[in-house]
Amino acid sequence: YALRSEGFRFGGFNPFVGPVLNIPLDFIKFDPDTLVNYEIGAKGAALGNRLFYGGSAYFAQWDDVQTVVFNSTGNFAFTTNAPSLEAKGFELEVASRDLVLPGLSLGANFAFTENEFTEDARVFPGVRLLVAKGDHLRRTPRQTWALNAGYDFKLSGRDAYVRANYWHRDSNTTKGFNGGDGDILVPRQDVVNLSAGVAFGPTELKLYVNNLTDERPWLQVFPATTPTQADVVSTIRPRTVGVQLTRRFGL
């Protein structure tokens, strides 16, 4: 398949500007931003539908990126337009079932993203750049991937299974436009989950271990806005071992 898609956001107005707020009247209005995306890809199956595969590549042009920045004193925020951003990347996925061994399912996916702003931009003369040419969009890891494995089998005549999942995200940063969101390095993330279960008719007993290595990946990072505040980070649960009992009722 191949596609070309477009999108946009309306422009608007900043209701509070002027010398009192150290925001020039030129910033009372901000323009729409637009995105044009080109993508090509393919999906298919082989070996008697025991192997599935897919892949895609894309290029996107994001013009006049709308962003929230702070005034020259860092006390008030307003919306303006940053330079254009170019992004390109690709995604690959492959999965199999009953290919290597009856009952064994395997899967993997990988994604790569590269993006950069096309020019420098400064909001106020003599103040740090809004964004520099070649800067990357914040909070966007370059690589992500995941591996999955599962095995279905019989245990004393009952349906049973084991599952394993691993996912990874590259490190990235919160560095935003003109430093308004701080500059915190978000470390790489690697998480492993395991589970096993057995069915007793309509009842299923499942044992699981989520976050096997007890990682603390940073999912959302909110940098402090003043020197007296602390950064706030959200993460996932620590290593969790559990038992789940499920009963299915038919009509």
Protein backbone atom coordinates (compact mmCIF):
# COMPACT_ATOMS: atom_id res chain seq x y z
CA TYR A 1 0.00 0.00 0.00
CA ALA A 2 0.96 3.65 -0.35
CA LEU A 3 -0.67 6.72 1.09
CA ARG A 4 -0.41 10.47 1.41
CA SER A 5 -2.23 12.14 4.27
CA GLU A 6 -2.60 15.69 5.52
CA GLY A 7 -3.66 17.26 8.79
CA PHE A 8 -3.71 20.66 10.43
CA ARG A 9 -4.56 22.54 13.62
CA PHE A 10 -6.33 25.88 13.63
CA GLY A 11 -4.40 29.01 14.48
CA GLY A 12 -5.55 31.27 17.29
CA PHE A 13 -4.88 34.12 19.64
CA ASN A 14 -3.06 34.67 22.92
CA PRO A 15 -5.50 36.68 25.07
CA PHE A 16 -2.83 38.03 27.41
CA VAL A 17 0.08 39.85 25.76
CA GLY A 18 1.72 43.24 26.17
CA PRO A 19 4.59 45.05 27.90
CA VAL A 20 3.28 44.25 31.40
CA LEU A 21 3.72 40.52 30.72
CA ASN A 22 6.96 40.96 28.74
CA ILE A 23 5.23 39.46 25.67
CA PRO A 24 5.35 41.69 22.56
CA LEU A 25 2.04 42.43 20.86
CA ASP A 26 3.40 40.62 17.76
CA PHE A 27 2.56 37.36 19.54
CA ILE A 28 -1.15 38.05 19.92
CA LYS A 29 -1.74 35.72 16.94
CA PHE A 30 -0.31 32.32 16.03
CA ASP A 31 -0.71 30.53 12.70
CA PRO A 32 -2.08 27.08 11.86
CA ASP A 33 0.41 24.23 11.65
CA THR A 34 0.15 21.55 8.98
CA LEU A 35 1.41 17.99 8.60
CA VAL A 36 1.90 16.08 5.34
CA ASN A 37 2.79 12.39 5.61
CA TYR A 38 3.95 9.94 2.94
CA GLU A 39 4.00 6.22 3.71
CA ILE A 40 4.60 3.00 1.83
CA GLY A 41 4.34 -0.49 3.25
CA ALA A 42 3.37 -4.12 2.81
CA LYS A 43 1.85 -6.98 4.83
CA GLY A 44 1.75 -10.65 3.98
CA ALA A 45 1.67 -14.27 5.08
CA ALA A 46 3.70 -17.31 4.03
CA LEU A 47 4.34 -20.96 4.76
CA GLY A 48 0.69 -21.88 4.99
CA ASN A 49 -0.21 -18.87 7.16
CA ARG A 50 2.32 -19.90 9.78
CA LEU A 51 4.48 -16.81 9.16
CA PHE A 52 3.20 -13.23 9.07
CA TYR A 53 5.26 -10.17 8.21
CA GLY A 54 4.85 -6.47 7.61
CA GLY A 55 6.83 -3.31 7.17
CA SER A 56 6.41 0.36 6.35
CA ALA A 57 8.51 3.47 5.78
CA TYR A 58 7.39 7.06 6.08
CA PHE A 59 8.43 10.68 5.64
CA ALA A 60 6.55 13.53 7.31
CA GLN A 61 6.81 17.31 6.93
CA TRP A 62 5.40 19.30 9.88
CA ASP A 63 5.29 23.03 9.12
CA ASP A 64 4.97 25.96 11.57
CA VAL A 65 4.84 23.69 14.62
CA GLN A 66 2.61 25.21 17.30
CA THR A 67 4.25 25.24 20.71
CA VAL A 68 3.86 26.82 24.13
CA VAL A 69 6.87 28.89 25.27
CA PHE A 70 7.65 31.26 28.12
CA ASN A 71 8.22 35.00 27.99
CA SER A 72 11.67 36.54 28.42
CA THR A 73 11.40 36.43 32.23
CA GLY A 74 10.02 32.89 32.36
CA ASN A 75 6.86 33.90 34.24
CA PHE A 76 4.13 33.64 31.60
CA ALA A 77 3.47 31.18 28.79
CA PHE A 78 2.02 31.79 25.35
CA THR A 79 1.60 29.92 22.05
CA THR A 80 3.68 30.65 18.96
CA ASN A 81 4.99 28.83 15.86
CA ALA A 82 8.31 27.02 15.74
CA PRO A 83 10.15 26.16 12.50
CA SER A 84 9.28 23.16 10.39
CA LEU A 85 10.14 19.61 11.44
CA GLU A 86 11.07 16.73 9.15
CA ALA A 87 10.64 13.15 10.34
CA LYS A 88 11.39 9.83 8.73
CA GLY A 89 11.44 6.26 9.89
CA PHE A 90 10.34 2.70 9.38
CA GLU A 91 8.61 -0.15 11.22
CA LEU A 92 9.06 -3.91 10.84
CA GLU A 93 7.11 -6.79 12.35
CA VAL A 94 7.19 -10.57 12.06
CA ALA A 95 5.19 -13.28 13.80
CA SER A 96 4.89 -17.03 13.51
CA ARG A 97 2.68 -19.78 14.90
CA ASP A 98 3.31 -23.52 14.75
CA LEU A 99 6.31 -22.84 12.51
CA VAL A 100 9.29 -23.87 14.66
CA LEU A 101 7.28 -26.17 16.94
CA PRO A 102 3.56 -27.03 17.17
CA GLY A 103 1.95 -24.69 19.71
CA LEU A 104 4.86 -22.20 19.71
CA SER A 105 4.15 -18.57 18.83
CA LEU A 106 6.92 -16.03 18.27
CA GLY A 107 6.78 -12.35 17.44
CA ALA A 108 9.00 -9.31 17.11
CA ASN A 109 8.60 -5.69 16.06
CA PHE A 110 11.05 -2.85 15.59
CA ALA A 111 10.59 0.86 14.92
CA PHE A 112 13.13 3.55 14.06
CA THR A 113 12.41 7.28 14.01
CA GLU A 114 14.65 10.19 13.07
CA ASN A 115 13.49 13.81 13.14
CA GLU A 116 15.00 17.29 13.18
CA PHE A 117 14.04 20.93 12.92
CA THR A 118 15.05 22.54 9.64
CA GLU A 119 16.24 25.94 10.91
CA ASP A 120 17.02 28.09 13.95
CA ALA A 121 14.33 30.19 15.58
CA ARG A 122 14.43 32.77 18.36
CA VAL A 123 11.44 34.29 20.12
CA PHE A 124 13.14 37.34 21.65
CA PRO A 125 16.36 39.09 20.53
CA GLY A 126 19.24 38.24 22.84
CA VAL A 127 17.34 35.37 24.49
CA ARG A 128 18.15 31.68 24.05
CA LEU A 129 16.99 29.99 20.86
CA LEU A 130 13.44 28.72 20.67
CA VAL A 131 14.87 25.78 18.76
CA ALA A 132 18.14 25.19 16.90
CA LYS A 133 18.52 23.67 13.46
CA GLY A 134 19.05 19.93 13.83
CA ASP A 135 17.35 19.71 17.24
CA HIS A 136 15.17 16.65 17.72
CA LEU A 137 11.57 16.65 18.88
CA ARG A 138 11.50 16.04 22.63
CA ARG A 139 10.25 12.79 24.20
CA THR A 140 10.75 10.77 21.00
CA PRO A 141 13.03 7.72 21.36
CA ARG A 142 14.98 6.81 18.24
CA GLN A 143 14.41 3.06 18.53
CA THR A 144 11.75 0.87 20.12
CA TRP A 145 11.32 -2.89 19.89
CA ALA A 146 9.48 -5.78 21.48
CA LEU A 147 9.83 -9.58 21.55
CA ASN A 148 7.02 -12.00 22.36
CA ALA A 149 6.93 -15.76 22.83
CA GLY A 150 4.16 -18.16 23.83
CA TYR A 151 3.70 -21.91 23.98
CA ASP A 152 0.37 -23.73 24.15
CA PHE A 153 0.42 -27.36 25.29
CA LYS A 154 -1.51 -30.04 27.14
CA LEU A 155 -0.98 -30.59 30.86
CA SER A 156 -2.65 -33.80 32.08
CA GLY A 157 -5.14 -33.40 29.25
CA ARG A 158 -5.89 -29.75 30.05
CA ASP A 159 -5.09 -26.67 27.94
CA ALA A 160 -2.07 -24.83 29.32
CA TYR A 161 0.31 -22.11 28.19
CA VAL A 162 3.40 -20.06 29.04
CA ARG A 163 4.04 -16.50 27.79
CA ALA A 164 6.99 -14.09 27.82
CA ASN A 165 7.21 -10.47 26.67
CA TYR A 166 10.11 -8.00 26.50
CA TRP A 167 9.95 -4.37 25.36
CA HIS A 168 12.57 -1.65 24.93
CA ARG A 169 12.64 2.11 24.34
CA ASP A 170 15.76 4.18 23.71
CA SER A 171 16.65 7.07 25.98
CA ASN A 172 15.29 10.51 25.12
CA THR A 173 15.03 13.95 26.68
CA THR A 174 12.42 16.41 27.92
CA LYS A 175 14.34 19.31 26.37
CA GLY A 176 11.64 21.53 24.91
CA PHE A 177 11.23 24.80 23.13
CA ASN A 178 13.36 27.62 24.63
CA GLY A 179 14.04 25.45 27.71
CA GLY A 180 10.54 25.83 29.07
CA ASP A 181 10.26 22.14 29.91
CA GLY A 182 13.71 21.70 31.39
CA ASP A 183 16.30 19.29 30.05
CA ILE A 184 16.07 15.90 31.77
CA LEU A 185 17.58 12.77 30.26
CA VAL A 186 14.98 9.98 30.22
CA PRO A 187 16.95 6.71 30.46
CA ARG A 188 16.38 3.68 28.27
CA GLN A 189 13.60 1.32 29.25
CA ASP A 190 13.70 -2.50 29.30
CA VAL A 191 10.83 -4.48 30.82
CA VAL A 192 10.16 -8.25 30.95
CA ASN A 193 6.80 -9.89 31.78
CA LEU A 194 6.11 -13.63 32.29
CA SER A 195 2.93 -15.64 32.74
CA ALA A 196 1.64 -19.23 32.74
CA GLY A 197 -1.85 -20.68 32.95
CA VAL A 198 -3.96 -23.80 32.83
CA ALA A 199 -7.67 -24.25 32.06
CA PHE A 200 -10.09 -26.39 34.06
CA GLY A 201 -13.07 -26.34 31.74
CA PRO A 202 -14.51 -22.81 31.91
CA THR A 203 -12.11 -21.86 34.74
CA GLU A 204 -8.59 -20.64 34.11
CA LEU A 205 -5.80 -20.31 36.67
CA LYS A 206 -3.01 -17.90 35.74
CA LEU A 207 0.29 -17.14 37.46
CA TYR A 208 2.21 -14.05 36.39
CA VAL A 209 5.26 -11.94 37.10
CA ASN A 210 5.14 -8.44 35.66
CA ASN A 211 8.30 -6.32 35.51
CA LEU A 212 10.48 -9.32 36.28
CA THR A 213 13.70 -7.34 36.79
CA ASP A 214 11.96 -4.69 38.93
CA GLU A 215 12.69 -1.79 36.58
CA ARG A 216 11.44 1.78 37.10
CA PRO A 217 11.07 3.15 33.54
CA TRP A 218 10.13 6.83 33.26
CA LEU A 219 6.89 7.01 31.30
CA GLN A 220 5.95 10.65 31.88
CA VAL A 221 8.37 13.32 33.09
CA PHE A 222 7.21 16.72 34.33
CA PRO A 223 10.23 18.97 35.03
CA ALA A 224 10.05 21.46 37.87
CA THR A 225 8.96 24.95 36.89
CA THR A 226 10.66 26.72 39.83
CA PRO A 227 13.87 26.07 41.81
CA THR A 228 11.83 25.14 44.90
CA GLN A 229 9.89 22.36 43.14
CA ALA A 230 10.93 18.79 42.40
CA ASP A 231 10.67 16.99 39.09
CA VAL A 232 7.70 14.62 38.89
CA VAL A 233 7.98 11.24 37.15
CA SER A 234 5.38 8.53 36.57
CA THR A 235 6.41 4.90 36.11
CA ILE A 236 5.00 1.38 36.13
CA ARG A 237 4.39 -0.93 39.07
CA PRO A 238 7.44 -2.58 40.63
CA ARG A 239 7.93 -6.32 40.25
CA THR A 240 4.47 -7.81 40.76
CA VAL A 241 3.80 -11.50 41.35
CA GLY A 242 0.15 -12.55 41.20
CA VAL A 243 -2.44 -15.24 40.77
CA GLN A 244 -5.54 -14.69 38.63
CA LEU A 245 -8.60 -16.93 38.59
CA THR A 246 -11.05 -16.47 35.71
CA ARG A 247 -14.44 -18.15 35.27
CA ARG A 248 -16.30 -17.94 31.96
CA PHE A 249 -20.07 -18.35 31.97
CA GLY A 250 -21.96 -19.51 28.90
CA LEU A 251 -25.61 -18.90 27.97
